[in-house]
Amino acid sequence: MDLSTKYYVVESIDGDYAHLREDDSDGDKLVARALLPSEIMEGTKLKYEMLQYEIME
């Protein structure tokens, strides 16, 4: 299991899902919004660590 820290940017929000782009990747990742902080918007930067997403200031 990979528990390393990863950084994402919210590319778009599509209903109950958000498309996240990893900083060093061209592809995106589809994540249920229930797993993300409720305050996210397009362009929000997120840190994924220890199985949790948090907004980066």
Protein backbone atom coordinates (compact mmCIF):
# COMPACT_ATOMS: atom_id res chain seq x y z
CA MET A 1 0.00 0.00 0.00
CA ASP A 2 1.40 3.39 -1.05
CA LEU A 3 1.06 5.96 1.75
CA SER A 4 3.32 8.60 0.24
CA THR A 5 2.22 12.23 0.05
CA LYS A 6 0.74 13.33 -3.28
CA TYR A 7 -0.39 16.72 -4.53
CA TYR A 8 -3.38 17.36 -6.78
CA VAL A 9 -5.27 20.24 -8.38
CA VAL A 10 -9.05 20.10 -8.85
CA GLU A 11 -9.46 20.30 -12.63
CA SER A 12 -13.26 20.13 -12.72
CA ILE A 13 -16.27 19.13 -10.68
CA ASP A 14 -18.86 16.88 -12.28
CA GLY A 15 -21.83 16.26 -9.98
CA ASP A 16 -20.76 13.92 -7.18
CA TYR A 17 -17.23 13.53 -8.57
CA ALA A 18 -14.16 15.70 -9.02
CA HIS A 19 -11.43 15.32 -11.61
CA LEU A 20 -8.02 15.71 -9.97
CA ARG A 21 -4.73 16.20 -11.77
CA GLU A 22 -1.53 15.12 -10.07
CA ASP A 23 1.16 17.82 -10.18
CA ASP A 24 3.59 15.80 -12.28
CA SER A 25 1.08 13.93 -14.46
CA ASP A 26 -0.93 14.60 -17.61
CA GLY A 27 -3.81 12.25 -16.73
CA ASP A 28 -6.56 12.88 -14.24
CA LYS A 29 -8.10 10.91 -11.39
CA LEU A 30 -11.83 10.70 -10.72
CA VAL A 31 -12.64 10.94 -7.00
CA ALA A 32 -16.00 10.96 -5.21
CA ARG A 33 -16.65 14.39 -3.66
CA ALA A 34 -17.69 12.67 -0.43
CA LEU A 35 -13.98 11.85 0.07
CA LEU A 36 -12.87 15.47 -0.48
CA PRO A 37 -13.19 18.59 1.69
CA SER A 38 -16.58 20.23 1.06
CA GLU A 39 -14.99 23.64 0.31
CA ILE A 40 -13.25 22.55 -2.91
CA MET A 41 -13.65 24.50 -6.15
CA GLU A 42 -11.98 24.23 -9.53
CA GLY A 43 -8.33 25.15 -9.09
CA THR A 44 -8.15 24.10 -5.43
CA LYS A 45 -4.82 22.51 -4.49
CA LEU A 46 -5.05 19.35 -2.41
CA LYS A 47 -2.61 17.24 -0.45
CA TYR A 48 -3.28 13.50 -0.14
CA GLU A 49 -1.60 11.94 2.87
CA MET A 50 -2.47 9.04 5.17
CA LEU A 51 -5.60 8.24 3.12
CA GLN A 52 -7.03 11.78 3.54
CA TYR A 53 -7.33 14.81 1.27
CA GLU A 54 -6.79 18.28 2.71
CA ILE A 55 -6.77 21.73 1.13
CA MET A 56 -3.38 23.34 0.83
CA GLU A 57 -3.13 26.99 1.79
